[in-house]
C-alpha atoms as a PDB file:
ATOM      1  CA  TYR A   1       0.000   0.000   0.000  1.00  0.00           C
ATOM      2  CA  ARG A   2       0.910   3.637  -0.340  1.00  0.00           C
ATOM      3  CA  ILE A   3      -0.830   6.813   0.711  1.00  0.00           C
ATOM      4  CA  GLU A   4      -2.663   8.465  -2.164  1.00  0.00           C
ATOM      5  CA  LYS A   5      -3.977  11.602  -0.399  1.00  0.00           C
ATOM      6  CA  ILE A   6      -5.715  12.767   2.739  1.00  0.00           C
ATOM      7  CA  THR A   7      -9.256  14.104   2.920  1.00  0.00           C
ATOM      8  CA  SER A   8     -11.353  15.736   5.599  1.00  0.00           C
ATOM      9  CA  LEU A   9     -13.767  13.370   7.344  1.00  0.00           C
ATOM     10  CA  ASP A  10     -16.686  15.009   5.536  1.00  0.00           C
ATOM     11  CA  GLY A  11     -14.885  14.572   2.188  1.00  0.00           C
ATOM     12  CA  GLN A  12     -15.051  18.284   1.365  1.00  0.00           C
ATOM     13  CA  GLU A  13     -11.297  18.991   1.498  1.00  0.00           C
ATOM     14  CA  GLU A  14      -8.257  17.210   0.073  1.00  0.00           C
ATOM     15  CA  LYS A  15      -4.548  17.541   0.735  1.00  0.00           C
ATOM     16  CA  GLU A  16      -1.535  16.026  -0.955  1.00  0.00           C
ATOM     17  CA  THR A  17       0.697  13.664   0.994  1.00  0.00           C
ATOM     18  CA  SER A  18       3.578  16.130   0.621  1.00  0.00           C
ATOM     19  CA  GLU A  19       1.812  18.292   3.221  1.00  0.00           C
ATOM     20  CA  LEU A  20       2.570  15.629   5.859  1.00  0.00           C
ATOM     21  CA  LYS A  21       6.341  16.014   5.512  1.00  0.00           C
ATOM     22  CA  GLY A  22       7.886  17.127   8.782  1.00  0.00           C
ATOM     23  CA  LYS A  23       4.477  17.555  10.426  1.00  0.00           C
ATOM     24  CA  ARG A  24       3.451  16.305  13.871  1.00  0.00           C
ATOM     25  CA  LEU A  25       0.851  13.588  13.371  1.00  0.00           C
ATOM     26  CA  LEU A  26      -1.738  12.352  15.845  1.00  0.00           C
ATOM     27  CA  LEU A  27      -2.997   8.933  14.742  1.00  0.00           C
ATOM     28  CA  SER A  28      -6.291   7.199  15.572  1.00  0.00           C
ATOM     29  CA  SER A  29      -7.037   3.685  14.384  1.00  0.00           C
ATOM     30  CA  GLY A  30      -8.962   0.543  15.200  1.00  0.00           C
ATOM     31  CA  ILE A  31      -7.163  -1.871  12.882  1.00  0.00           C
ATOM     32  CA  ALA A  32      -5.428  -5.205  13.387  1.00  0.00           C
ATOM     33  CA  ASN A  33      -1.940  -3.838  12.682  1.00  0.00           C
ATOM     34  CA  PRO A  34      -1.740  -0.177  13.737  1.00  0.00           C
ATOM     35  CA  GLN A  35       2.056  -0.251  13.397  1.00  0.00           C
ATOM     36  CA  SER A  36       1.651  -0.526   9.617  1.00  0.00           C
ATOM     37  CA  PHE A  37      -0.419   2.686   9.600  1.00  0.00           C
ATOM     38  CA  SER A  38       2.276   4.532  11.529  1.00  0.00           C
ATOM     39  CA  LYS A  39       5.015   3.086   9.311  1.00  0.00           C
ATOM     40  CA  LEU A  40       3.303   4.291   6.120  1.00  0.00           C
ATOM     41  CA  LEU A  41       3.048   7.809   7.514  1.00  0.00           C
ATOM     42  CA  LYS A  42       6.728   7.761   8.479  1.00  0.00           C
ATOM     43  CA  LEU A  43       7.539   6.821   4.874  1.00  0.00           C
ATOM     44  CA  GLU A  44       5.861  10.108   3.888  1.00  0.00           C
ATOM     45  CA  GLU A  45       8.277  11.773   6.343  1.00  0.00           C
ATOM     46  CA  GLY A  46       5.517  12.598   8.793  1.00  0.00           C
ATOM     47  CA  CYS A  47       6.331  12.508  12.513  1.00  0.00           C
ATOM     48  CA  PRO A  48       3.770  10.574  14.581  1.00  0.00           C
ATOM     49  CA  VAL A  49       3.712  12.159  18.050  1.00  0.00           C
ATOM     50  CA  ALA A  50       0.943  10.032  19.581  1.00  0.00           C
ATOM     51  CA  GLU A  51      -1.328   7.154  18.629  1.00  0.00           C
ATOM     52  CA  MET A  52      -4.829   6.363  19.821  1.00  0.00           C
ATOM     53  CA  ARG A  53      -5.110   2.643  19.222  1.00  0.00           C
ATOM     54  CA  PHE A  54      -8.410   0.836  19.508  1.00  0.00           C
ATOM     55  CA  GLU A  55      -9.094  -2.872  19.064  1.00  0.00           C
ATOM     56  CA  ASP A  56      -9.715  -4.098  15.521  1.00  0.00           C
ATOM     57  CA  HIS A  57     -13.311  -3.385  14.393  1.00  0.00           C
ATOM     58  CA  HIS A  58     -13.790  -0.959  17.294  1.00  0.00           C
ATOM     59  CA  ASN A  59     -17.370   0.246  17.644  1.00  0.00           C
ATOM     60  CA  TYR A  60     -16.971   3.981  18.320  1.00  0.00           C
ATOM     61  CA  SER A  61     -19.276   5.396  20.993  1.00  0.00           C
ATOM     62  CA  GLU A  62     -19.905   8.886  22.374  1.00  0.00           C
ATOM     63  CA  SER A  63     -17.490   7.998  25.171  1.00  0.00           C
ATOM     64  CA  SER A  64     -14.783   6.956  22.682  1.00  0.00           C
ATOM     65  CA  ILE A  65     -15.259  10.202  20.787  1.00  0.00           C
ATOM     66  CA  ARG A  66     -15.038  12.317  23.964  1.00  0.00           C
ATOM     67  CA  ASN A  67     -11.790  10.549  24.904  1.00  0.00           C
ATOM     68  CA  MET A  68     -10.393  11.034  21.398  1.00  0.00           C
ATOM     69  CA  ILE A  69     -11.229  14.746  21.427  1.00  0.00           C
ATOM     70  CA  GLU A  70      -9.697  15.165  24.878  1.00  0.00           C
ATOM     71  CA  GLN A  71      -6.477  13.474  23.790  1.00  0.00           C
ATOM     72  CA  GLY A  72      -6.489  15.507  20.579  1.00  0.00           C
ATOM     73  CA  ASN A  73      -6.837  18.726  22.564  1.00  0.00           C
ATOM     74  CA  ASN A  74      -3.990  17.703  24.889  1.00  0.00           C
ATOM     75  CA  THR A  75      -1.539  16.567  22.203  1.00  0.00           C
ATOM     76  CA  PRO A  76       0.197  19.211  20.092  1.00  0.00           C
ATOM     77  CA  HIS A  77      -0.156  18.149  16.455  1.00  0.00           C
ATOM     78  CA  ASP A  78      -0.426  19.490  12.923  1.00  0.00           C
ATOM     79  CA  PHE A  79      -2.654  16.741  11.512  1.00  0.00           C
ATOM     80  CA  TRP A  80      -4.994  14.263  13.210  1.00  0.00           C
ATOM     81  CA  LEU A  81      -5.296  11.220  10.961  1.00  0.00           C
ATOM     82  CA  THR A  82      -7.347   8.040  10.795  1.00  0.00           C
ATOM     83  CA  THR A  83      -7.746   5.139   8.372  1.00  0.00           C
ATOM     84  CA  GLU A  84     -10.411   4.807   5.689  1.00  0.00           C
ATOM     85  CA  LYS A  85     -11.789   1.806   7.558  1.00  0.00           C
ATOM     86  CA  ASP A  86     -12.245   3.845  10.734  1.00  0.00           C
ATOM     87  CA  ALA A  87     -13.603   6.845   8.836  1.00  0.00           C
ATOM     88  CA  VAL A  88     -16.640   4.796   7.810  1.00  0.00           C
ATOM     89  CA  LYS A  89     -17.510   4.286  11.478  1.00  0.00           C
ATOM     90  CA  LEU A  90     -16.647   7.861  12.443  1.00  0.00           C
ATOM     91  CA  LYS A  91     -18.798   9.612   9.793  1.00  0.00           C
ATOM     92  CA  SER A  92     -21.715   9.946  12.198  1.00  0.00           C
ATOM     93  CA  PHE A  93     -19.419  11.943  14.524  1.00  0.00           C
ATOM     94  CA  GLN A  94     -18.067  14.287  11.861  1.00  0.00           C
ATOM     95  CA  GLN A  95     -19.470  17.392  13.592  1.00  0.00           C
ATOM     96  CA  GLN A  96     -17.382  16.623  16.688  1.00  0.00           C
ATOM     97  CA  LEU A  97     -14.351  15.485  14.667  1.00  0.00           C
ATOM     98  CA  LYS A  98     -13.885  18.380  12.258  1.00  0.00           C
ATOM     99  CA  GLN A  99     -10.105  18.268  12.763  1.00  0.00           C
ATOM    100  CA  LEU A 100      -9.867  14.605  11.717  1.00  0.00           C
ATOM    101  CA  TRP A 101      -8.349  13.734   8.329  1.00  0.00           C
ATOM    102  CA  VAL A 102      -8.685  10.415   6.502  1.00  0.00           C
ATOM    103  CA  VAL A 103      -5.688   8.705   4.935  1.00  0.00           C
ATOM    104  CA  LYS A 104      -6.720   7.389   1.515  1.00  0.00           C
ATOM    105  CA  MET A 105      -4.711   4.332   0.481  1.00  0.00           C
ATOM    106  CA  LYS A 106      -3.822   2.872  -2.864  1.00  0.00           C
ATOM    107  CA  ILE A 107      -2.518  -0.610  -3.587  1.00  0.00           C
ATOM    108  CA  GLN A 108       0.984  -0.513  -4.983  1.00  0.00           C
ATOM    109  CA  PRO A 109       2.195  -3.904  -6.204  1.00  0.00           C
ATOM    110  CA  ASP A 110       5.743  -4.941  -5.471  1.00  0.00           C
ATOM    111  CA  PRO A 111       7.928  -4.016  -8.477  1.00  0.00           C
ATOM    112  CA  GLU A 112       9.107  -7.644  -8.643  1.00  0.00           C
ATOM    113  CA  TRP A 113       5.541  -9.004  -8.925  1.00  0.00           C
ATOM    114  CA  PRO A 114       5.294  -9.191 -12.772  1.00  0.00           C
ATOM    115  CA  ALA A 115       8.614 -11.058 -13.072  1.00  0.00           C
ATOM    116  CA  PHE A 116       7.644 -13.444 -10.258  1.00  0.00           C
ATOM    117  CA  PHE A 117       4.227 -14.106 -11.790  1.00  0.00           C
ATOM    118  CA  ASN A 118       5.719 -14.782 -15.236  1.00  0.00           C
ATOM    119  CA  ARG A 119       8.213 -17.260 -13.733  1.00  0.00           C
ATOM    120  CA  PHE A 120       5.320 -18.919 -11.916  1.00  0.00           C
ATOM    121  CA  LEU A 121       3.309 -19.234 -15.151  1.00  0.00           C
ATOM    122  CA  ASP A 122       6.359 -20.565 -17.004  1.00  0.00           C
ATOM    123  CA  GLY A 123       6.758 -23.195 -14.300  1.00  0.00           C
ATOM    124  CA  LEU A 124       3.101 -24.205 -14.605  1.00  0.00           C
ATOM    125  CA  SER A 125       3.274 -24.538 -18.375  1.00  0.00           C
ATOM    126  CA  LYS A 126       6.425 -26.697 -18.145  1.00  0.00           C
ATOM    127  CA  THR A 127       4.773 -28.905 -15.518  1.00  0.00           C
ATOM    128  CA  SER A 128       1.630 -29.378 -17.601  1.00  0.00           C
ATOM    129  CA  LEU A 129       3.682 -30.387 -20.654  1.00  0.00           C
ATOM    130  CA  ASN A 130       5.273 -33.323 -18.780  1.00  0.00           C
END
């Protein structure tokens, strides 16, 4: 994966990933591997300063949102970011979370994939000929 862009939670604003460079990032996610989210943002030269990690498939409640806002208010940051997966669940709280930005992802295949796949197909065709 790679980061394509970031958008406001309401989808009305967009920013390029270059705007994350050197910025203090506050991260919120409820995904199985939150370290991968942080790692991708570091690749964009962003500087995660704090992470709010929730269990995978977290069901956000008013209490969760209050805690997130409190931590957001107490943590100096330039951007507050969440995943697309979490954004779906957070849409109903967009009035309270106006500062929250959504990281839009794009699949980027490994550059070696086409060569690997062709070798795999060559191996299959040789096997089927025997």
